[in-house]
Amino acid sequence: MSDHTVPNFPLPDVLPADPVLVDLIPDFVDLWMRDLTTMWADIKSSGDTEEFRRFGHTIKGSFLQFGFKELAAVGKSMMDDAANSDWQTADLKVQGLIDALQRIKTKWC
């Protein structure tokens, strides 16, 4: 990500096995698209690296719960970015997650 481009994160090939989770995907996508836009902007404005780390941790757990392992790994990676105060790289990852969510919405919602 050092080339300053928005990453194209892979999507899972299949939906979660749990039908309840499948039903929740549209809400999950909408909520995370909002949070990745508004919450991330607030965190960046504050410059709070601990809040930055927590946001990455929440992404990791939330996306993992739905079986989106590759996208959950982005959250872990953002926690590392927080430890290094690498806001620019994390910002690109947030944009990549938004793009991935838009693709999930198109594919499954």
N, C-alpha and C. Protein backbone atom coordinates (compact mmCIF):
# COMPACT_ATOMS: atom_id res chain seq x y z
N MET A 1 0.81 -1.20 0.00
CA MET A 1 0.00 0.00 0.00
C MET A 1 0.85 1.26 0.00
N SER A 2 2.12 1.07 -0.11
CA SER A 2 3.00 2.23 -0.12
C SER A 2 2.87 3.06 -1.39
N ASP A 3 2.16 2.51 -2.40
CA ASP A 3 2.02 3.28 -3.63
C ASP A 3 0.85 4.26 -3.58
N HIS A 4 0.18 4.35 -2.45
CA HIS A 4 -0.89 5.31 -2.22
C HIS A 4 -2.11 5.10 -3.11
N THR A 5 -2.42 3.83 -3.38
CA THR A 5 -3.64 3.51 -4.12
C THR A 5 -4.60 2.76 -3.21
N VAL A 6 -5.86 2.88 -3.52
CA VAL A 6 -6.89 2.19 -2.74
C VAL A 6 -6.80 0.70 -3.07
N PRO A 7 -6.67 -0.14 -2.04
CA PRO A 7 -6.56 -1.57 -2.29
C PRO A 7 -7.90 -2.17 -2.74
N ASN A 8 -7.82 -3.22 -3.53
CA ASN A 8 -8.99 -3.95 -3.98
C ASN A 8 -9.04 -5.25 -3.19
N PHE A 9 -9.71 -5.21 -2.04
CA PHE A 9 -9.76 -6.37 -1.16
C PHE A 9 -10.65 -7.46 -1.74
N PRO A 10 -10.22 -8.73 -1.61
CA PRO A 10 -11.04 -9.82 -2.14
C PRO A 10 -12.29 -10.04 -1.29
N LEU A 11 -13.34 -10.48 -1.97
CA LEU A 11 -14.59 -10.83 -1.28
C LEU A 11 -14.61 -12.33 -1.05
N PRO A 12 -15.36 -12.76 -0.04
CA PRO A 12 -15.51 -14.21 0.15
C PRO A 12 -16.27 -14.80 -1.03
N ASP A 13 -16.04 -16.07 -1.28
CA ASP A 13 -16.71 -16.75 -2.40
C ASP A 13 -18.13 -17.17 -2.06
N VAL A 14 -18.38 -17.38 -0.77
CA VAL A 14 -19.71 -17.86 -0.35
C VAL A 14 -20.22 -17.03 0.82
N LEU A 15 -21.51 -17.07 0.99
CA LEU A 15 -22.15 -16.41 2.13
C LEU A 15 -21.96 -17.25 3.39
N PRO A 16 -22.15 -16.65 4.56
CA PRO A 16 -22.08 -17.44 5.79
C PRO A 16 -23.11 -18.58 5.75
N ALA A 17 -22.80 -19.67 6.45
CA ALA A 17 -23.71 -20.82 6.49
C ALA A 17 -24.97 -20.52 7.31
N ASP A 18 -24.86 -19.62 8.27
CA ASP A 18 -25.97 -19.30 9.15
C ASP A 18 -26.97 -18.39 8.42
N PRO A 19 -28.22 -18.85 8.23
CA PRO A 19 -29.20 -18.04 7.50
C PRO A 19 -29.54 -16.72 8.20
N VAL A 20 -29.40 -16.69 9.51
CA VAL A 20 -29.66 -15.44 10.24
C VAL A 20 -28.62 -14.39 9.84
N LEU A 21 -27.37 -14.81 9.75
CA LEU A 21 -26.32 -13.88 9.32
C LEU A 21 -26.56 -13.42 7.89
N VAL A 22 -26.98 -14.32 7.04
CA VAL A 22 -27.26 -13.96 5.65
C VAL A 22 -28.33 -12.88 5.60
N ASP A 23 -29.37 -13.02 6.42
CA ASP A 23 -30.44 -12.02 6.47
C ASP A 23 -29.94 -10.67 6.97
N LEU A 24 -28.90 -10.70 7.79
CA LEU A 24 -28.39 -9.46 8.39
C LEU A 24 -27.36 -8.74 7.51
N ILE A 25 -26.90 -9.37 6.45
CA ILE A 25 -25.85 -8.77 5.62
C ILE A 25 -26.24 -7.39 5.08
N PRO A 26 -27.46 -7.18 4.56
CA PRO A 26 -27.77 -5.82 4.08
C PRO A 26 -27.63 -4.74 5.16
N ASP A 27 -28.09 -5.03 6.38
CA ASP A 27 -27.95 -4.06 7.47
C ASP A 27 -26.48 -3.89 7.85
N PHE A 28 -25.75 -5.00 7.90
CA PHE A 28 -24.32 -4.96 8.21
C PHE A 28 -23.59 -4.04 7.23
N VAL A 29 -23.86 -4.24 5.94
CA VAL A 29 -23.22 -3.44 4.90
C VAL A 29 -23.57 -1.97 5.07
N ASP A 30 -24.84 -1.66 5.23
CA ASP A 30 -25.26 -0.25 5.36
C ASP A 30 -24.64 0.41 6.59
N LEU A 31 -24.65 -0.29 7.71
CA LEU A 31 -24.09 0.29 8.94
C LEU A 31 -22.59 0.52 8.81
N TRP A 32 -21.87 -0.45 8.24
CA TRP A 32 -20.43 -0.27 8.12
C TRP A 32 -20.06 0.77 7.08
N MET A 33 -20.85 0.89 6.03
CA MET A 33 -20.56 1.96 5.05
C MET A 33 -20.70 3.32 5.73
N ARG A 34 -21.70 3.46 6.58
CA ARG A 34 -21.88 4.70 7.32
C ARG A 34 -20.73 4.92 8.29
N ASP A 35 -20.41 3.88 9.08
CA ASP A 35 -19.35 4.03 10.09
C ASP A 35 -17.98 4.29 9.46
N LEU A 36 -17.72 3.63 8.35
CA LEU A 36 -16.42 3.84 7.69
C LEU A 36 -16.31 5.25 7.13
N THR A 37 -17.42 5.85 6.87
CA THR A 37 -17.42 7.23 6.36
C THR A 37 -17.39 8.23 7.51
N THR A 38 -18.38 8.17 8.38
CA THR A 38 -18.51 9.18 9.43
C THR A 38 -17.60 8.95 10.63
N MET A 39 -17.59 7.74 11.13
CA MET A 39 -16.80 7.46 12.32
C MET A 39 -15.31 7.63 12.04
N TRP A 40 -14.88 7.12 10.88
CA TRP A 40 -13.47 7.25 10.52
C TRP A 40 -13.08 8.73 10.38
N ALA A 41 -13.95 9.53 9.79
CA ALA A 41 -13.66 10.96 9.66
C ALA A 41 -13.49 11.60 11.04
N ASP A 42 -14.33 11.24 11.99
CA ASP A 42 -14.23 11.77 13.35
C ASP A 42 -12.92 11.34 14.02
N ILE A 43 -12.56 10.08 13.83
CA ILE A 43 -11.32 9.58 14.43
C ILE A 43 -10.12 10.30 13.84
N LYS A 44 -10.11 10.46 12.53
CA LYS A 44 -9.00 11.19 11.88
C LYS A 44 -8.92 12.62 12.38
N SER A 45 -10.07 13.27 12.50
CA SER A 45 -10.09 14.67 12.96
C SER A 45 -9.53 14.80 14.37
N SER A 46 -9.82 13.80 15.20
CA SER A 46 -9.36 13.87 16.59
C SER A 46 -7.87 13.53 16.72
N GLY A 47 -7.36 12.74 15.78
CA GLY A 47 -5.96 12.33 15.86
C GLY A 47 -5.69 11.36 16.99
N ASP A 48 -6.73 10.73 17.52
CA ASP A 48 -6.63 9.83 18.67
C ASP A 48 -6.22 8.43 18.19
N THR A 49 -4.94 8.07 18.41
CA THR A 49 -4.46 6.78 17.92
C THR A 49 -5.07 5.60 18.68
N GLU A 50 -5.46 5.79 19.92
CA GLU A 50 -6.11 4.71 20.67
C GLU A 50 -7.50 4.43 20.09
N GLU A 51 -8.22 5.47 19.74
CA GLU A 51 -9.52 5.31 19.09
C GLU A 51 -9.34 4.67 17.71
N PHE A 52 -8.30 5.03 17.02
CA PHE A 52 -7.91 4.45 15.74
C PHE A 52 -7.71 2.94 15.92
N ARG A 53 -6.94 2.56 16.93
CA ARG A 53 -6.68 1.14 17.21
C ARG A 53 -7.98 0.39 17.50
N ARG A 54 -8.83 1.00 18.33
CA ARG A 54 -10.12 0.37 18.67
C ARG A 54 -10.99 0.18 17.44
N PHE A 55 -10.97 1.15 16.55
CA PHE A 55 -11.76 1.07 15.32
C PHE A 55 -11.29 -0.13 14.49
N GLY A 56 -9.98 -0.30 14.36
CA GLY A 56 -9.44 -1.46 13.64
C GLY A 56 -9.86 -2.76 14.31
N HIS A 57 -9.81 -2.78 15.63
CA HIS A 57 -10.21 -3.98 16.39
C HIS A 57 -11.68 -4.30 16.17
N THR A 58 -12.52 -3.29 16.14
CA THR A 58 -13.95 -3.48 15.92
C THR A 58 -14.21 -4.00 14.50
N ILE A 59 -13.49 -3.46 13.53
CA ILE A 59 -13.61 -3.95 12.16
C ILE A 59 -13.25 -5.43 12.12
N LYS A 60 -12.14 -5.77 12.73
CA LYS A 60 -11.68 -7.16 12.74
C LYS A 60 -12.77 -8.09 13.28
N GLY A 61 -13.30 -7.77 14.44
CA GLY A 61 -14.31 -8.63 15.07
C GLY A 61 -15.61 -8.68 14.31
N SER A 62 -16.06 -7.55 13.84
CA SER A 62 -17.34 -7.46 13.14
C SER A 62 -17.32 -8.24 11.84
N PHE A 63 -16.28 -8.03 11.05
CA PHE A 63 -16.21 -8.69 9.76
C PHE A 63 -15.97 -10.19 9.92
N LEU A 64 -15.22 -10.57 10.94
CA LEU A 64 -14.97 -11.98 11.21
C LEU A 64 -16.27 -12.69 11.59
N GLN A 65 -17.11 -12.02 12.34
CA GLN A 65 -18.39 -12.60 12.77
C GLN A 65 -19.24 -13.00 11.56
N PHE A 66 -19.10 -12.29 10.46
CA PHE A 66 -19.87 -12.59 9.26
C PHE A 66 -19.10 -13.52 8.30
N GLY A 67 -17.93 -13.95 8.72
CA GLY A 67 -17.15 -14.86 7.89
C GLY A 67 -16.32 -14.18 6.82
N PHE A 68 -16.21 -12.86 6.89
CA PHE A 68 -15.43 -12.11 5.91
C PHE A 68 -13.98 -12.02 6.40
N LYS A 69 -13.28 -13.15 6.35
CA LYS A 69 -11.94 -13.26 6.94
C LYS A 69 -10.93 -12.29 6.33
N GLU A 70 -10.97 -12.17 5.00
CA GLU A 70 -10.01 -11.29 4.34
C GLU A 70 -10.23 -9.83 4.76
N LEU A 71 -11.49 -9.46 4.90
CA LEU A 71 -11.80 -8.08 5.30
C LEU A 71 -11.53 -7.87 6.79
N ALA A 72 -11.71 -8.92 7.60
CA ALA A 72 -11.39 -8.83 9.02
C ALA A 72 -9.89 -8.59 9.21
N ALA A 73 -9.09 -9.19 8.34
CA ALA A 73 -7.64 -9.00 8.42
C ALA A 73 -7.25 -7.54 8.21
N VAL A 74 -8.07 -6.82 7.46
CA VAL A 74 -7.81 -5.39 7.25
C VAL A 74 -7.89 -4.66 8.59
N GLY A 75 -8.86 -5.04 9.43
CA GLY A 75 -8.98 -4.44 10.75
C GLY A 75 -7.72 -4.66 11.58
N LYS A 76 -7.19 -5.89 11.55
CA LYS A 76 -5.96 -6.19 12.28
C LYS A 76 -4.81 -5.35 11.74
N SER A 77 -4.76 -5.23 10.42
CA SER A 77 -3.72 -4.43 9.78
C SER A 77 -3.84 -2.96 10.19
N MET A 78 -5.08 -2.48 10.33
CA MET A 78 -5.28 -1.09 10.77
C MET A 78 -4.83 -0.90 12.21
N MET A 79 -4.95 -1.94 13.03
CA MET A 79 -4.44 -1.83 14.40
C MET A 79 -2.93 -1.61 14.36
N ASP A 80 -2.24 -2.29 13.44
CA ASP A 80 -0.80 -2.08 13.27
C ASP A 80 -0.52 -0.66 12.77
N ASP A 81 -1.36 -0.19 11.85
CA ASP A 81 -1.21 1.19 11.36
C ASP A 81 -1.35 2.18 12.52
N ALA A 82 -2.29 1.91 13.40
CA ALA A 82 -2.48 2.80 14.56
C ALA A 82 -1.23 2.83 15.42
N ALA A 83 -0.64 1.65 15.63
CA ALA A 83 0.57 1.57 16.45
C ALA A 83 1.71 2.39 15.83
N ASN A 84 1.69 2.50 14.50
CA ASN A 84 2.72 3.26 13.78
C ASN A 84 2.27 4.66 13.40
N SER A 85 1.08 5.05 13.85
CA SER A 85 0.49 6.35 13.48
C SER A 85 0.48 6.56 11.98
N ASP A 86 0.18 5.51 11.25
CA ASP A 86 0.15 5.57 9.78
C ASP A 86 -1.28 5.83 9.32
N TRP A 87 -1.69 7.05 9.42
CA TRP A 87 -3.05 7.45 9.08
C TRP A 87 -3.32 7.34 7.58
N GLN A 88 -2.33 7.66 6.78
CA GLN A 88 -2.52 7.66 5.32
C GLN A 88 -2.81 6.25 4.80
N THR A 89 -2.03 5.28 5.25
CA THR A 89 -2.25 3.90 4.82
C THR A 89 -3.62 3.40 5.30
N ALA A 90 -3.95 3.71 6.53
CA ALA A 90 -5.25 3.30 7.07
C ALA A 90 -6.40 3.94 6.29
N ASP A 91 -6.22 5.18 5.89
CA ASP A 91 -7.26 5.87 5.13
C ASP A 91 -7.52 5.14 3.80
N LEU A 92 -6.46 4.68 3.16
CA LEU A 92 -6.61 3.91 1.92
C LEU A 92 -7.34 2.59 2.19
N LYS A 93 -7.02 1.97 3.31
CA LYS A 93 -7.70 0.71 3.67
C LYS A 93 -9.18 0.94 3.93
N VAL A 94 -9.51 2.04 4.58
CA VAL A 94 -10.92 2.37 4.81
C VAL A 94 -11.63 2.53 3.47
N GLN A 95 -11.01 3.22 2.54
CA GLN A 95 -11.61 3.37 1.21
C GLN A 95 -11.77 2.02 0.53
N GLY A 96 -10.78 1.14 0.69
CA GLY A 96 -10.86 -0.21 0.14
C GLY A 96 -11.99 -1.02 0.76
N LEU A 97 -12.21 -0.84 2.07
CA LEU A 97 -13.32 -1.53 2.73
C LEU A 97 -14.67 -1.02 2.22
N ILE A 98 -14.77 0.29 2.03
CA ILE A 98 -16.01 0.86 1.49
C ILE A 98 -16.27 0.28 0.10
N ASP A 99 -15.25 0.22 -0.72
CA ASP A 99 -15.40 -0.37 -2.05
C ASP A 99 -15.84 -1.83 -1.95
N ALA A 100 -15.22 -2.59 -1.04
CA ALA A 100 -15.58 -4.00 -0.87
C ALA A 100 -17.03 -4.14 -0.43
N LEU A 101 -17.46 -3.28 0.48
CA LEU A 101 -18.85 -3.33 0.94
C LEU A 101 -19.82 -3.00 -0.20
N GLN A 102 -19.44 -2.08 -1.04
CA GLN A 102 -20.29 -1.76 -2.20
C GLN A 102 -20.40 -2.97 -3.13
N ARG A 103 -19.30 -3.71 -3.29
CA ARG A 103 -19.33 -4.91 -4.12
C ARG A 103 -20.17 -6.01 -3.46
N ILE A 104 -20.08 -6.13 -2.13
CA ILE A 104 -20.91 -7.10 -1.40
C ILE A 104 -22.38 -6.75 -1.59
N LYS A 105 -22.68 -5.49 -1.48
CA LYS A 105 -24.07 -5.03 -1.64
C LYS A 105 -24.59 -5.38 -3.04
N THR A 106 -23.78 -5.14 -4.04
CA THR A 106 -24.17 -5.45 -5.42
C THR A 106 -24.34 -6.96 -5.62
N LYS A 107 -23.45 -7.73 -5.02
CA LYS A 107 -23.43 -9.18 -5.22
C LYS A 107 -24.51 -9.91 -4.43
N TRP A 108 -24.76 -9.49 -3.18
CA TRP A 108 -25.59 -10.29 -2.28
C TRP A 108 -26.78 -9.58 -1.65
N CYS A 109 -26.94 -8.30 -1.88
CA CYS A 109 -28.03 -7.61 -1.18
C CYS A 109 -29.15 -7.24 -2.15
